Amino acid sequence: DSSIELQAMRAQGAGGQNVNKVSSAIHLKFNIHASNLPFRYKQGLLKRQDSRITDEGILVLKAQNHRTQEANKRDAIER
């Protein structure tokens, strides 16, 4: 989907040496305007007072709860 952009990065916090060596965290950027969501859902998201939604209509999520990049990717997309 062209409205979703995923970027791997190093996780923060506890996790031992794995945190320092592996880019396991995921930044997900979801372009609300470019998505295939129905108009009323887009409007509902854009009206929310949520710090994760930028002025440009991009929803930004960071997933780093899991030790693997794949698990964090699934977590971000499910959210």
PDB file of N, CA and C in Angstrom:
ATOM      1  N   ASP A   1       0.848  -1.183   0.000  1.00  0.00           N
ATOM      2  CA  ASP A   1       0.000   0.000   0.000  1.00  0.00           C
ATOM      3  C   ASP A   1       0.888   1.238   0.000  1.00  0.00           C
ATOM      4  N   SER A   2       0.696   2.142  -0.935  1.00  0.00           N
ATOM      5  CA  SER A   2       1.551   3.323  -1.064  1.00  0.00           C
ATOM      6  C   SER A   2       1.301   4.352   0.026  1.00  0.00           C
ATOM      7  N   SER A   3       0.241   4.194   0.806  1.00  0.00           N
ATOM      8  CA  SER A   3      -0.031   5.147   1.880  1.00  0.00           C
ATOM      9  C   SER A   3       0.712   4.781   3.166  1.00  0.00           C
ATOM     10  N   ILE A   4       1.409   3.625   3.173  1.00  0.00           N
ATOM     11  CA  ILE A   4       2.156   3.181   4.353  1.00  0.00           C
ATOM     12  C   ILE A   4       3.644   3.152   4.039  1.00  0.00           C
ATOM     13  N   GLU A   5       4.433   3.745   4.932  1.00  0.00           N
ATOM     14  CA  GLU A   5       5.889   3.727   4.811  1.00  0.00           C
ATOM     15  C   GLU A   5       6.447   3.131   6.096  1.00  0.00           C
ATOM     16  N   LEU A   6       7.327   2.139   5.964  1.00  0.00           N
ATOM     17  CA  LEU A   6       7.947   1.502   7.121  1.00  0.00           C
ATOM     18  C   LEU A   6       9.436   1.801   7.119  1.00  0.00           C
ATOM     19  N   GLN A   7       9.985   2.085   8.302  1.00  0.00           N
ATOM     20  CA  GLN A   7      11.408   2.378   8.430  1.00  0.00           C
ATOM     21  C   GLN A   7      11.927   1.656   9.666  1.00  0.00           C
ATOM     22  N   ALA A   8      13.014   0.895   9.505  1.00  0.00           N
ATOM     23  CA  ALA A   8      13.625   0.195  10.635  1.00  0.00           C
ATOM     24  C   ALA A   8      14.592   1.126  11.347  1.00  0.00           C
ATOM     25  N   MET A   9      14.647   0.985  12.670  1.00  0.00           N
ATOM     26  CA  MET A   9      15.568   1.790  13.474  1.00  0.00           C
ATOM     27  C   MET A   9      15.924   1.009  14.726  1.00  0.00           C
ATOM     28  N   ARG A  10      16.929   1.465  15.436  1.00  0.00           N
ATOM     29  CA  ARG A  10      17.305   0.803  16.682  1.00  0.00           C
ATOM     30  C   ARG A  10      16.284   1.114  17.766  1.00  0.00           C
ATOM     31  N   ALA A  11      15.945   0.095  18.523  1.00  0.00           N
ATOM     32  CA  ALA A  11      15.008   0.264  19.635  1.00  0.00           C
ATOM     33  C   ALA A  11      15.698   0.984  20.784  1.00  0.00           C
ATOM     34  N   GLN A  12      14.902   1.566  21.654  1.00  0.00           N
ATOM     35  CA  GLN A  12      15.429   2.237  22.839  1.00  0.00           C
ATOM     36  C   GLN A  12      15.087   1.419  24.067  1.00  0.00           C
ATOM     37  N   GLY A  13      15.789   1.681  25.145  1.00  0.00           N
ATOM     38  CA  GLY A  13      15.465   1.043  26.411  1.00  0.00           C
ATOM     39  C   GLY A  13      16.205  -0.254  26.637  1.00  0.00           C
ATOM     40  N   ALA A  14      15.730  -1.008  27.624  1.00  0.00           N
ATOM     41  CA  ALA A  14      16.376  -2.257  28.013  1.00  0.00           C
ATOM     42  C   ALA A  14      16.255  -3.294  26.914  1.00  0.00           C
ATOM     43  N   GLY A  15      17.197  -4.202  26.877  1.00  0.00           N
ATOM     44  CA  GLY A  15      17.160  -5.263  25.882  1.00  0.00           C
ATOM     45  C   GLY A  15      18.514  -5.882  25.664  1.00  0.00           C
ATOM     46  N   GLY A  16      19.488  -5.468  26.440  1.00  0.00           N
ATOM     47  CA  GLY A  16      20.814  -6.057  26.320  1.00  0.00           C
ATOM     48  C   GLY A  16      21.517  -5.624  25.052  1.00  0.00           C
ATOM     49  N   GLN A  17      22.456  -6.440  24.621  1.00  0.00           N
ATOM     50  CA  GLN A  17      23.267  -6.113  23.447  1.00  0.00           C
ATOM     51  C   GLN A  17      22.449  -6.068  22.166  1.00  0.00           C
ATOM     52  N   ASN A  18      21.344  -6.790  22.113  1.00  0.00           N
ATOM     53  CA  ASN A  18      20.508  -6.811  20.914  1.00  0.00           C
ATOM     54  C   ASN A  18      20.070  -5.405  20.516  1.00  0.00           C
ATOM     55  N   VAL A  19      19.759  -4.564  21.491  1.00  0.00           N
ATOM     56  CA  VAL A  19      19.299  -3.201  21.227  1.00  0.00           C
ATOM     57  C   VAL A  19      20.377  -2.394  20.520  1.00  0.00           C
ATOM     58  N   ASN A  20      21.640  -2.612  20.891  1.00  0.00           N
ATOM     59  CA  ASN A  20      22.742  -1.842  20.323  1.00  0.00           C
ATOM     60  C   ASN A  20      23.150  -2.296  18.933  1.00  0.00           C
ATOM     61  N   LYS A  21      22.850  -3.531  18.569  1.00  0.00           N
ATOM     62  CA  LYS A  21      23.340  -4.093  17.311  1.00  0.00           C
ATOM     63  C   LYS A  21      22.296  -4.198  16.209  1.00  0.00           C
ATOM     64  N   VAL A  22      21.043  -4.294  16.566  1.00  0.00           N
ATOM     65  CA  VAL A  22      20.009  -4.659  15.596  1.00  0.00           C
ATOM     66  C   VAL A  22      18.964  -3.554  15.472  1.00  0.00           C
ATOM     67  N   SER A  23      18.587  -3.239  14.245  1.00  0.00           N
ATOM     68  CA  SER A  23      17.513  -2.269  14.001  1.00  0.00           C
ATOM     69  C   SER A  23      16.183  -3.006  14.055  1.00  0.00           C
ATOM     70  N   SER A  24      15.675  -3.198  15.265  1.00  0.00           N
ATOM     71  CA  SER A  24      14.461  -4.002  15.419  1.00  0.00           C
ATOM     72  C   SER A  24      13.196  -3.166  15.579  1.00  0.00           C
ATOM     73  N   ALA A  25      13.326  -1.890  15.921  1.00  0.00           N
ATOM     74  CA  ALA A  25      12.141  -1.036  16.054  1.00  0.00           C
ATOM     75  C   ALA A  25      11.647  -0.622  14.672  1.00  0.00           C
ATOM     76  N   ILE A  26      10.372  -0.326  14.581  1.00  0.00           N
ATOM     77  CA  ILE A  26       9.764   0.075  13.308  1.00  0.00           C
ATOM     78  C   ILE A  26       9.041   1.402  13.485  1.00  0.00           C
ATOM     79  N   HIS A  27       9.293   2.313  12.570  1.00  0.00           N
ATOM     80  CA  HIS A  27       8.515   3.549  12.464  1.00  0.00           C
ATOM     81  C   HIS A  27       7.548   3.338  11.311  1.00  0.00           C
ATOM     82  N   LEU A  28       6.267   3.443  11.564  1.00  0.00           N
ATOM     83  CA  LEU A  28       5.258   3.331  10.520  1.00  0.00           C
ATOM     84  C   LEU A  28       4.674   4.716  10.291  1.00  0.00           C
ATOM     85  N   LYS A  29       4.636   5.115   9.025  1.00  0.00           N
ATOM     86  CA  LYS A  29       4.004   6.379   8.656  1.00  0.00           C
ATOM     87  C   LYS A  29       2.853   6.058   7.713  1.00  0.00           C
ATOM     88  N   PHE A  30       1.656   6.501   8.095  1.00  0.00           N
ATOM     89  CA  PHE A  30       0.448   6.229   7.322  1.00  0.00           C
ATOM     90  C   PHE A  30      -0.123   7.554   6.839  1.00  0.00           C
ATOM     91  N   ASN A  31      -0.127   7.743   5.531  1.00  0.00           N
ATOM     92  CA  ASN A  31      -0.648   8.970   4.930  1.00  0.00           C
ATOM     93  C   ASN A  31      -2.165   8.845   4.821  1.00  0.00           C
ATOM     94  N   ILE A  32      -2.853   9.527   5.707  1.00  0.00           N
ATOM     95  CA  ILE A  32      -4.316   9.437   5.757  1.00  0.00           C
ATOM     96  C   ILE A  32      -4.936   9.942   4.458  1.00  0.00           C
ATOM     97  N   HIS A  33      -4.422  11.049   3.919  1.00  0.00           N
ATOM     98  CA  HIS A  33      -4.977  11.628   2.689  1.00  0.00           C
ATOM     99  C   HIS A  33      -4.826  10.684   1.494  1.00  0.00           C
ATOM    100  N   ALA A  34      -3.705   9.966   1.404  1.00  0.00           N
ATOM    101  CA  ALA A  34      -3.433   9.098   0.257  1.00  0.00           C
ATOM    102  C   ALA A  34      -4.017   7.698   0.422  1.00  0.00           C
ATOM    103  N   SER A  35      -4.618   7.415   1.557  1.00  0.00           N
ATOM    104  CA  SER A  35      -5.128   6.068   1.819  1.00  0.00           C
ATOM    105  C   SER A  35      -6.424   5.799   1.056  1.00  0.00           C
ATOM    106  N   ASN A  36      -6.804   4.525   1.043  1.00  0.00           N
ATOM    107  CA  ASN A  36      -8.048   4.096   0.402  1.00  0.00           C
ATOM    108  C   ASN A  36      -9.223   4.085   1.372  1.00  0.00           C
ATOM    109  N   LEU A  37      -9.048   4.680   2.538  1.00  0.00           N
ATOM    110  CA  LEU A  37     -10.140   4.731   3.514  1.00  0.00           C
ATOM    111  C   LEU A  37     -11.298   5.562   2.972  1.00  0.00           C
ATOM    112  N   PRO A  38     -12.530   5.211   3.344  1.00  0.00           N
ATOM    113  CA  PRO A  38     -13.670   6.055   2.969  1.00  0.00           C
ATOM    114  C   PRO A  38     -13.500   7.459   3.555  1.00  0.00           C
ATOM    115  N   PHE A  39     -14.057   8.449   2.874  1.00  0.00           N
ATOM    116  CA  PHE A  39     -13.890   9.854   3.250  1.00  0.00           C
ATOM    117  C   PHE A  39     -14.262  10.109   4.707  1.00  0.00           C
ATOM    118  N   ARG A  40     -15.355   9.523   5.176  1.00  0.00           N
ATOM    119  CA  ARG A  40     -15.799   9.795   6.553  1.00  0.00           C
ATOM    120  C   ARG A  40     -14.797   9.279   7.584  1.00  0.00           C
ATOM    121  N   TYR A  41     -14.103   8.174   7.289  1.00  0.00           N
ATOM    122  CA  TYR A  41     -13.080   7.669   8.208  1.00  0.00           C
ATOM    123  C   TYR A  41     -11.850   8.577   8.199  1.00  0.00           C
ATOM    124  N   LYS A  42     -11.489   9.049   7.006  1.00  0.00           N
ATOM    125  CA  LYS A  42     -10.361   9.989   6.913  1.00  0.00           C
ATOM    126  C   LYS A  42     -10.652  11.237   7.737  1.00  0.00           C
ATOM    127  N   GLN A  43     -11.854  11.786   7.570  1.00  0.00           N
ATOM    128  CA  GLN A  43     -12.232  12.992   8.308  1.00  0.00           C
ATOM    129  C   GLN A  43     -12.209  12.742   9.814  1.00  0.00           C
ATOM    130  N   GLY A  44     -12.689  11.577  10.229  1.00  0.00           N
ATOM    131  CA  GLY A  44     -12.684  11.237  11.651  1.00  0.00           C
ATOM    132  C   GLY A  44     -11.278  11.182  12.224  1.00  0.00           C
ATOM    133  N   LEU A  45     -10.355  10.582  11.473  1.00  0.00           N
ATOM    134  CA  LEU A  45      -8.965  10.517  11.932  1.00  0.00           C
ATOM    135  C   LEU A  45      -8.329  11.897  11.987  1.00  0.00           C
ATOM    136  N   LEU A  46      -8.570  12.697  10.954  1.00  0.00           N
ATOM    137  CA  LEU A  46      -7.938  14.013  10.875  1.00  0.00           C
ATOM    138  C   LEU A  46      -8.469  14.983  11.931  1.00  0.00           C
ATOM    139  N   LYS A  47      -9.682  14.772  12.407  1.00  0.00           N
ATOM    140  CA  LYS A  47     -10.264  15.650  13.426  1.00  0.00           C
ATOM    141  C   LYS A  47      -9.763  15.328  14.832  1.00  0.00           C
ATOM    142  N   ARG A  48      -9.162  14.165  15.003  1.00  0.00           N
ATOM    143  CA  ARG A  48      -8.692  13.759  16.330  1.00  0.00           C
ATOM    144  C   ARG A  48      -7.558  14.650  16.811  1.00  0.00           C
ATOM    145  N   GLN A  49      -7.574  14.939  18.087  1.00  0.00           N
ATOM    146  CA  GLN A  49      -6.481  15.674  18.719  1.00  0.00           C
ATOM    147  C   GLN A  49      -5.476  14.638  19.223  1.00  0.00           C
ATOM    148  N   ASP A  50      -4.669  14.128  18.323  1.00  0.00           N
ATOM    149  CA  ASP A  50      -3.723  13.059  18.641  1.00  0.00           C
ATOM    150  C   ASP A  50      -2.329  13.498  18.220  1.00  0.00           C
ATOM    151  N   SER A  51      -1.391  13.455  19.136  1.00  0.00           N
ATOM    152  CA  SER A  51      -0.028  13.909  18.839  1.00  0.00           C
ATOM    153  C   SER A  51       0.668  13.032  17.805  1.00  0.00           C
ATOM    154  N   ARG A  52       0.123  11.853  17.523  1.00  0.00           N
ATOM    155  CA  ARG A  52       0.729  10.971  16.521  1.00  0.00           C
ATOM    156  C   ARG A  52       0.332  11.338  15.095  1.00  0.00           C
ATOM    157  N   ILE A  53      -0.615  12.258  14.926  1.00  0.00           N
ATOM    158  CA  ILE A  53      -1.042  12.698  13.596  1.00  0.00           C
ATOM    159  C   ILE A  53      -0.463  14.082  13.340  1.00  0.00           C
ATOM    160  N   THR A  54       0.347  14.192  12.274  1.00  0.00           N
ATOM    161  CA  THR A  54       0.995  15.462  11.958  1.00  0.00           C
ATOM    162  C   THR A  54       0.010  16.419  11.293  1.00  0.00           C
ATOM    163  N   ASP A  55       0.419  17.682  11.166  1.00  0.00           N
ATOM    164  CA  ASP A  55      -0.410  18.680  10.483  1.00  0.00           C
ATOM    165  C   ASP A  55      -0.639  18.320   9.019  1.00  0.00           C
ATOM    166  N   GLU A  56       0.260  17.508   8.445  1.00  0.00           N
ATOM    167  CA  GLU A  56       0.133  17.087   7.045  1.00  0.00           C
ATOM    168  C   GLU A  56      -0.766  15.858   6.885  1.00  0.00           C
ATOM    169  N   GLY A  57      -1.301  15.341   7.983  1.00  0.00           N
ATOM    170  CA  GLY A  57      -2.193  14.187   7.905  1.00  0.00           C
ATOM    171  C   GLY A  57      -1.468  12.856   7.880  1.00  0.00           C
ATOM    172  N   ILE A  58      -0.279  12.801   8.476  1.00  0.00           N
ATOM    173  CA  ILE A  58       0.495  11.566   8.541  1.00  0.00           C
ATOM    174  C   ILE A  58       0.403  11.014   9.964  1.00  0.00           C
ATOM    175  N   LEU A  59      -0.063   9.777  10.081  1.00  0.00           N
ATOM    176  CA  LEU A  59      -0.098   9.091  11.367  1.00  0.00           C
ATOM    177  C   LEU A  59       1.246   8.396  11.547  1.00  0.00           C
ATOM    178  N   VAL A  60       1.947   8.680  12.644  1.00  0.00           N
ATOM    179  CA  VAL A  60       3.275   8.118  12.894  1.00  0.00           C
ATOM    180  C   VAL A  60       3.211   7.234  14.136  1.00  0.00           C
ATOM    181  N   LEU A  61       3.583   5.961  13.966  1.00  0.00           N
ATOM    182  CA  LEU A  61       3.615   5.011  15.073  1.00  0.00           C
ATOM    183  C   LEU A  61       5.011   4.429  15.200  1.00  0.00           C
ATOM    184  N   LYS A  62       5.450   4.184  16.431  1.00  0.00           N
ATOM    185  CA  LYS A  62       6.721   3.505  16.668  1.00  0.00           C
ATOM    186  C   LYS A  62       6.428   2.221  17.411  1.00  0.00           C
ATOM    187  N   ALA A  63       6.890   1.103  16.866  1.00  0.00           N
ATOM    188  CA  ALA A  63       6.701  -0.201  17.497  1.00  0.00           C
ATOM    189  C   ALA A  63       8.064  -0.744  17.889  1.00  0.00           C
ATOM    190  N   GLN A  64       8.251  -1.018  19.185  1.00  0.00           N
ATOM    191  CA  GLN A  64       9.528  -1.550  19.655  1.00  0.00           C
ATOM    192  C   GLN A  64       9.353  -2.500  20.837  1.00  0.00           C
ATOM    193  N   ASN A  65       8.157  -3.055  20.984  1.00  0.00           N
ATOM    194  CA  ASN A  65       7.886  -3.934  22.122  1.00  0.00           C
ATOM    195  C   ASN A  65       8.484  -5.324  21.969  1.00  0.00           C
ATOM    196  N   HIS A  66       8.782  -5.728  20.733  1.00  0.00           N
ATOM    197  CA  HIS A  66       9.268  -7.079  20.469  1.00  0.00           C
ATOM    198  C   HIS A  66      10.756  -7.056  20.119  1.00  0.00           C
ATOM    199  N   ARG A  67      11.396  -8.205  20.228  1.00  0.00           N
ATOM    200  CA  ARG A  67      12.835  -8.288  19.962  1.00  0.00           C
ATOM    201  C   ARG A  67      13.152  -8.371  18.471  1.00  0.00           C
ATOM    202  N   THR A  68      12.180  -8.753  17.655  1.00  0.00           N
ATOM    203  CA  THR A  68      12.465  -8.889  16.224  1.00  0.00           C
ATOM    204  C   THR A  68      11.770  -7.800  15.421  1.00  0.00           C
ATOM    205  N   GLN A  69      12.408  -7.457  14.321  1.00  0.00           N
ATOM    206  CA  GLN A  69      11.857  -6.442  13.427  1.00  0.00           C
ATOM    207  C   GLN A  69      10.522  -6.900  12.848  1.00  0.00           C
ATOM    208  N   GLU A  70      10.428  -8.165  12.487  1.00  0.00           N
ATOM    209  CA  GLU A  70       9.197  -8.691  11.885  1.00  0.00           C
ATOM    210  C   GLU A  70       8.026  -8.597  12.863  1.00  0.00           C
ATOM    211  N   ALA A  71       8.251  -8.931  14.120  1.00  0.00           N
ATOM    212  CA  ALA A  71       7.182  -8.849  15.124  1.00  0.00           C
ATOM    213  C   ALA A  71       6.768  -7.398  15.349  1.00  0.00           C
ATOM    214  N   ASN A  72       7.728  -6.489  15.365  1.00  0.00           N
ATOM    215  CA  ASN A  72       7.404  -5.073  15.528  1.00  0.00           C
ATOM    216  C   ASN A  72       6.659  -4.536  14.311  1.00  0.00           C
ATOM    217  N   LYS A  73       7.004  -5.029  13.131  1.00  0.00           N
ATOM    218  CA  LYS A  73       6.306  -4.615  11.910  1.00  0.00           C
ATOM    219  C   LYS A  73       4.842  -5.044  11.965  1.00  0.00           C
ATOM    220  N   ARG A  74       4.603  -6.295  12.357  1.00  0.00           N
ATOM    221  CA  ARG A  74       3.222  -6.788  12.492  1.00  0.00           C
ATOM    222  C   ARG A  74       2.457  -5.965  13.526  1.00  0.00           C
ATOM    223  N   ASP A  75       3.113  -5.677  14.645  1.00  0.00           N
ATOM    224  CA  ASP A  75       2.485  -4.897  15.711  1.00  0.00           C
ATOM    225  C   ASP A  75       2.081  -3.513  15.215  1.00  0.00           C
ATOM    226  N   ALA A  76       2.966  -2.846  14.491  1.00  0.00           N
ATOM    227  CA  ALA A  76       2.676  -1.497  13.981  1.00  0.00           C
ATOM    228  C   ALA A  76       1.514  -1.520  12.994  1.00  0.00           C
ATOM    229  N   ILE A  77       1.505  -2.487  12.098  1.00  0.00           N
ATOM    230  CA  ILE A  77       0.444  -2.566  11.087  1.00  0.00           C
ATOM    231  C   ILE A  77      -0.900  -2.902  11.734  1.00  0.00           C
ATOM    232  N   GLU A  78      -0.895  -3.783  12.738  1.00  0.00           N
ATOM    233  CA  GLU A  78      -2.143  -4.127  13.426  1.00  0.00           C
ATOM    234  C   GLU A  78      -2.734  -2.929  14.156  1.00  0.00           C
ATOM    235  N   ARG A  79      -1.860  -2.076  14.690  1.00  0.00           N
ATOM    236  CA  ARG A  79      -2.359  -0.891  15.400  1.00  0.00           C
ATOM    237  C   ARG A  79      -3.002   0.059  14.431  1.00  0.00           C
TER     238      ARG A  79
END
